[in-house]
Amino acid sequence: MNSSSSERQQRKVRTGIVISDKMDKTVVVEVSRTVLHPVYKKFVRRRKRFMAHDEDNRCHIGDEVVIVETRPLSRHKNWRVQKIVKEASMLGGAA
């Protein structure tokens, strides 16, 4: 079995909103998607929360981030933040 880095399977990538940054080096990211209900044919919003590794504690609540699947880092953490797409606007204007 030839195993090289070029033959490794693609990792799952998700885009979501940071909803909690209270932990050290960890953020909770909520990913939303819409699915068609099989009976009523109405689009329904489905949400799932992922715990993601944020090494430098750069993410804050409201940031839009891209997370990528990785090896298990802890009991609940199998994702890491790849990049911040859009930072949340500061409330109150001045920092």
N, C-alpha and C. Protein backbone atom coordinates (compact mmCIF):
# COMPACT_ATOMS: atom_id res chain seq x y z
N MET A 1 0.84 -1.18 0.00
CA MET A 1 0.00 0.00 0.00
C MET A 1 0.88 1.23 0.00
N ASN A 2 0.79 2.01 -1.06
CA ASN A 2 1.58 3.22 -1.18
C ASN A 2 0.85 4.37 -0.50
N SER A 3 1.47 4.91 0.53
CA SER A 3 0.84 6.04 1.20
C SER A 3 1.77 7.23 1.13
N SER A 4 1.31 8.27 0.47
CA SER A 4 2.08 9.50 0.41
C SER A 4 1.14 10.67 0.70
N SER A 5 1.71 11.82 0.95
CA SER A 5 0.88 12.96 1.32
C SER A 5 -0.01 13.40 0.18
N SER A 6 0.39 13.16 -1.08
CA SER A 6 -0.43 13.57 -2.21
C SER A 6 -1.65 12.68 -2.38
N GLU A 7 -1.60 11.44 -1.86
CA GLU A 7 -2.71 10.52 -2.00
C GLU A 7 -3.65 10.55 -0.81
N ARG A 8 -3.37 11.39 0.19
CA ARG A 8 -4.22 11.46 1.37
C ARG A 8 -5.58 12.02 0.99
N GLN A 9 -6.61 11.55 1.65
CA GLN A 9 -7.95 12.01 1.35
C GLN A 9 -8.12 13.48 1.67
N GLN A 10 -9.01 14.13 0.94
CA GLN A 10 -9.32 15.53 1.21
C GLN A 10 -9.95 15.65 2.59
N ARG A 11 -9.56 16.68 3.33
CA ARG A 11 -10.14 16.90 4.65
C ARG A 11 -11.41 17.72 4.51
N LYS A 12 -12.34 17.49 5.43
CA LYS A 12 -13.60 18.23 5.40
C LYS A 12 -13.34 19.68 5.79
N VAL A 13 -14.00 20.59 5.11
CA VAL A 13 -13.86 22.02 5.37
C VAL A 13 -15.26 22.59 5.57
N ARG A 14 -15.43 23.40 6.61
CA ARG A 14 -16.72 24.03 6.91
C ARG A 14 -16.50 25.52 7.19
N THR A 15 -17.51 26.31 6.92
CA THR A 15 -17.49 27.74 7.24
C THR A 15 -18.60 28.02 8.23
N GLY A 16 -18.27 28.76 9.30
CA GLY A 16 -19.27 29.03 10.32
C GLY A 16 -18.95 30.28 11.12
N ILE A 17 -19.78 30.53 12.12
CA ILE A 17 -19.68 31.71 12.97
C ILE A 17 -19.22 31.28 14.36
N VAL A 18 -18.27 32.02 14.93
CA VAL A 18 -17.80 31.75 16.28
C VAL A 18 -18.87 32.20 17.26
N ILE A 19 -19.34 31.29 18.13
CA ILE A 19 -20.37 31.65 19.10
C ILE A 19 -19.85 31.66 20.53
N SER A 20 -18.63 31.10 20.75
CA SER A 20 -18.04 31.14 22.08
C SER A 20 -16.52 31.11 21.95
N ASP A 21 -15.87 31.99 22.73
CA ASP A 21 -14.40 32.01 22.75
C ASP A 21 -13.89 32.04 24.19
N LYS A 22 -14.66 31.50 25.11
CA LYS A 22 -14.32 31.58 26.53
C LYS A 22 -13.21 30.62 26.94
N MET A 23 -12.97 29.58 26.14
CA MET A 23 -11.94 28.60 26.50
C MET A 23 -10.58 29.03 25.96
N ASP A 24 -9.53 28.48 26.53
CA ASP A 24 -8.18 28.79 26.07
C ASP A 24 -7.85 27.92 24.86
N LYS A 25 -7.48 28.56 23.76
CA LYS A 25 -7.09 27.90 22.51
C LYS A 25 -8.21 27.08 21.88
N THR A 26 -9.46 27.35 22.25
CA THR A 26 -10.60 26.63 21.70
C THR A 26 -11.75 27.60 21.45
N VAL A 27 -12.42 27.45 20.31
CA VAL A 27 -13.62 28.22 20.01
C VAL A 27 -14.73 27.26 19.62
N VAL A 28 -15.97 27.69 19.81
CA VAL A 28 -17.12 26.92 19.36
C VAL A 28 -17.65 27.60 18.11
N VAL A 29 -17.73 26.84 17.03
CA VAL A 29 -18.16 27.36 15.73
C VAL A 29 -19.48 26.71 15.37
N GLU A 30 -20.46 27.54 14.99
CA GLU A 30 -21.76 27.02 14.58
C GLU A 30 -21.85 27.08 13.06
N VAL A 31 -22.11 25.93 12.45
CA VAL A 31 -22.21 25.82 11.00
C VAL A 31 -23.68 25.60 10.65
N SER A 32 -24.21 26.46 9.77
CA SER A 32 -25.61 26.35 9.35
C SER A 32 -25.67 25.86 7.91
N ARG A 33 -26.70 25.06 7.63
CA ARG A 33 -26.95 24.63 6.26
C ARG A 33 -28.45 24.50 6.08
N THR A 34 -28.90 24.58 4.84
CA THR A 34 -30.33 24.41 4.56
C THR A 34 -30.54 23.11 3.81
N VAL A 35 -31.58 22.38 4.22
CA VAL A 35 -31.92 21.13 3.56
C VAL A 35 -33.41 21.15 3.21
N LEU A 36 -33.75 20.44 2.18
CA LEU A 36 -35.14 20.35 1.74
C LEU A 36 -35.85 19.27 2.55
N HIS A 37 -36.96 19.62 3.19
CA HIS A 37 -37.71 18.65 3.97
C HIS A 37 -38.31 17.62 3.02
N PRO A 38 -38.14 16.33 3.32
CA PRO A 38 -38.57 15.30 2.37
C PRO A 38 -40.08 15.23 2.15
N VAL A 39 -40.89 15.60 3.14
CA VAL A 39 -42.34 15.50 3.00
C VAL A 39 -42.94 16.84 2.60
N TYR A 40 -42.57 17.91 3.30
CA TYR A 40 -43.22 19.20 3.11
C TYR A 40 -42.56 20.08 2.06
N LYS A 41 -41.40 19.64 1.52
CA LYS A 41 -40.72 20.36 0.44
C LYS A 41 -40.40 21.81 0.81
N LYS A 42 -40.14 22.04 2.07
CA LYS A 42 -39.77 23.37 2.54
C LYS A 42 -38.30 23.33 2.98
N PHE A 43 -37.57 24.42 2.72
CA PHE A 43 -36.19 24.47 3.14
C PHE A 43 -36.12 24.73 4.64
N VAL A 44 -35.38 23.89 5.34
CA VAL A 44 -35.26 23.96 6.79
C VAL A 44 -33.79 24.20 7.13
N ARG A 45 -33.54 25.06 8.11
CA ARG A 45 -32.17 25.34 8.51
C ARG A 45 -31.70 24.34 9.57
N ARG A 46 -30.58 23.71 9.31
CA ARG A 46 -29.96 22.78 10.25
C ARG A 46 -28.68 23.41 10.76
N ARG A 47 -28.43 23.27 12.07
CA ARG A 47 -27.22 23.85 12.66
C ARG A 47 -26.46 22.79 13.43
N LYS A 48 -25.15 22.90 13.43
CA LYS A 48 -24.30 22.00 14.19
C LYS A 48 -23.15 22.80 14.76
N ARG A 49 -22.77 22.46 15.98
CA ARG A 49 -21.68 23.17 16.66
C ARG A 49 -20.44 22.28 16.70
N PHE A 50 -19.32 22.89 16.37
CA PHE A 50 -18.04 22.20 16.39
C PHE A 50 -17.10 22.94 17.33
N MET A 51 -16.31 22.18 18.10
CA MET A 51 -15.24 22.79 18.88
C MET A 51 -13.99 22.75 18.01
N ALA A 52 -13.35 23.90 17.86
CA ALA A 52 -12.20 24.00 16.98
C ALA A 52 -11.01 24.59 17.72
N HIS A 53 -9.82 24.13 17.32
CA HIS A 53 -8.57 24.58 17.94
C HIS A 53 -8.17 25.93 17.36
N ASP A 54 -7.91 26.90 18.23
CA ASP A 54 -7.47 28.24 17.84
C ASP A 54 -6.17 28.53 18.60
N GLU A 55 -5.05 28.18 18.00
CA GLU A 55 -3.76 28.20 18.68
C GLU A 55 -3.39 29.55 19.28
N ASP A 56 -3.66 30.65 18.55
CA ASP A 56 -3.23 31.98 19.01
C ASP A 56 -4.34 32.78 19.67
N ASN A 57 -5.49 32.18 19.91
CA ASN A 57 -6.64 32.89 20.50
C ASN A 57 -6.99 34.16 19.71
N ARG A 58 -6.98 34.06 18.37
CA ARG A 58 -7.27 35.22 17.54
C ARG A 58 -8.76 35.39 17.25
N CYS A 59 -9.55 34.33 17.40
CA CYS A 59 -10.98 34.39 17.06
C CYS A 59 -11.78 34.96 18.22
N HIS A 60 -12.81 35.73 17.87
CA HIS A 60 -13.72 36.30 18.85
C HIS A 60 -15.15 36.04 18.42
N ILE A 61 -16.09 36.24 19.33
CA ILE A 61 -17.50 35.98 19.04
C ILE A 61 -17.96 36.82 17.85
N GLY A 62 -18.62 36.17 16.91
CA GLY A 62 -19.15 36.85 15.74
C GLY A 62 -18.27 36.75 14.51
N ASP A 63 -17.03 36.29 14.66
CA ASP A 63 -16.14 36.13 13.52
C ASP A 63 -16.63 35.00 12.63
N GLU A 64 -16.47 35.19 11.31
CA GLU A 64 -16.76 34.12 10.37
C GLU A 64 -15.44 33.43 10.06
N VAL A 65 -15.37 32.11 10.29
CA VAL A 65 -14.12 31.38 10.15
C VAL A 65 -14.29 30.15 9.28
N VAL A 66 -13.17 29.68 8.75
CA VAL A 66 -13.11 28.42 8.02
C VAL A 66 -12.41 27.42 8.92
N ILE A 67 -13.06 26.26 9.16
CA ILE A 67 -12.46 25.22 9.98
C ILE A 67 -12.20 24.00 9.12
N VAL A 68 -11.17 23.25 9.47
CA VAL A 68 -10.79 22.06 8.70
C VAL A 68 -10.65 20.90 9.67
N GLU A 69 -11.05 19.71 9.21
CA GLU A 69 -10.99 18.53 10.05
C GLU A 69 -9.54 18.11 10.26
N THR A 70 -9.24 17.64 11.46
CA THR A 70 -7.88 17.24 11.79
C THR A 70 -7.93 16.03 12.73
N ARG A 71 -6.77 15.59 13.18
CA ARG A 71 -6.73 14.46 14.11
C ARG A 71 -7.37 14.87 15.42
N PRO A 72 -7.82 13.92 16.23
CA PRO A 72 -8.41 14.28 17.52
C PRO A 72 -7.39 15.00 18.41
N LEU A 73 -7.78 16.19 18.89
CA LEU A 73 -6.93 16.98 19.76
C LEU A 73 -7.35 16.84 21.22
N SER A 74 -8.60 16.50 21.44
CA SER A 74 -9.12 16.23 22.78
C SER A 74 -10.39 15.42 22.61
N ARG A 75 -11.14 15.28 23.68
CA ARG A 75 -12.35 14.45 23.63
C ARG A 75 -13.36 14.97 22.61
N HIS A 76 -13.53 16.28 22.52
CA HIS A 76 -14.55 16.86 21.64
C HIS A 76 -13.96 17.66 20.48
N LYS A 77 -12.65 17.80 20.42
CA LYS A 77 -12.04 18.71 19.45
C LYS A 77 -11.35 17.95 18.33
N ASN A 78 -11.98 17.96 17.12
CA ASN A 78 -11.42 17.31 15.95
C ASN A 78 -11.26 18.29 14.78
N TRP A 79 -11.40 19.57 15.04
CA TRP A 79 -11.33 20.60 14.01
C TRP A 79 -10.35 21.67 14.44
N ARG A 80 -9.79 22.40 13.47
CA ARG A 80 -8.94 23.54 13.80
C ARG A 80 -9.30 24.70 12.88
N VAL A 81 -9.08 25.91 13.37
CA VAL A 81 -9.39 27.11 12.59
C VAL A 81 -8.31 27.27 11.53
N GLN A 82 -8.74 27.33 10.27
CA GLN A 82 -7.79 27.51 9.18
C GLN A 82 -7.54 28.99 8.91
N LYS A 83 -8.63 29.77 8.83
CA LYS A 83 -8.48 31.21 8.63
C LYS A 83 -9.73 31.94 9.07
N ILE A 84 -9.56 33.23 9.33
CA ILE A 84 -10.69 34.09 9.68
C ILE A 84 -11.12 34.79 8.40
N VAL A 85 -12.36 34.54 7.97
CA VAL A 85 -12.87 35.13 6.74
C VAL A 85 -13.27 36.58 6.96
N LYS A 86 -14.03 36.81 8.04
CA LYS A 86 -14.52 38.17 8.34
C LYS A 86 -14.56 38.35 9.84
N GLU A 87 -13.95 39.41 10.31
CA GLU A 87 -13.97 39.69 11.74
C GLU A 87 -15.25 40.40 12.11
N ALA A 88 -15.72 40.17 13.34
CA ALA A 88 -16.95 40.79 13.82
C ALA A 88 -16.70 42.27 14.06
N SER A 89 -17.71 43.08 13.80
CA SER A 89 -17.58 44.51 14.05
C SER A 89 -17.63 44.77 15.54
N MET A 90 -16.86 45.73 15.99
CA MET A 90 -16.80 46.07 17.41
C MET A 90 -18.08 46.80 17.80
N LEU A 91 -18.69 46.40 18.92
CA LEU A 91 -19.87 47.09 19.41
C LEU A 91 -19.46 48.34 20.14
N GLY A 92 -20.19 49.41 19.97
CA GLY A 92 -19.88 50.66 20.67
C GLY A 92 -18.89 51.55 19.95
N GLY A 93 -18.38 51.12 18.81
CA GLY A 93 -17.49 51.98 18.02
C GLY A 93 -16.04 51.92 18.45
N ALA A 94 -15.64 52.67 19.51
CA ALA A 94 -14.25 52.73 19.92
C ALA A 94 -13.86 51.49 20.71
N ALA A 95 -12.60 51.11 20.58
CA ALA A 95 -12.13 49.92 21.28
C ALA A 95 -11.64 50.25 22.67
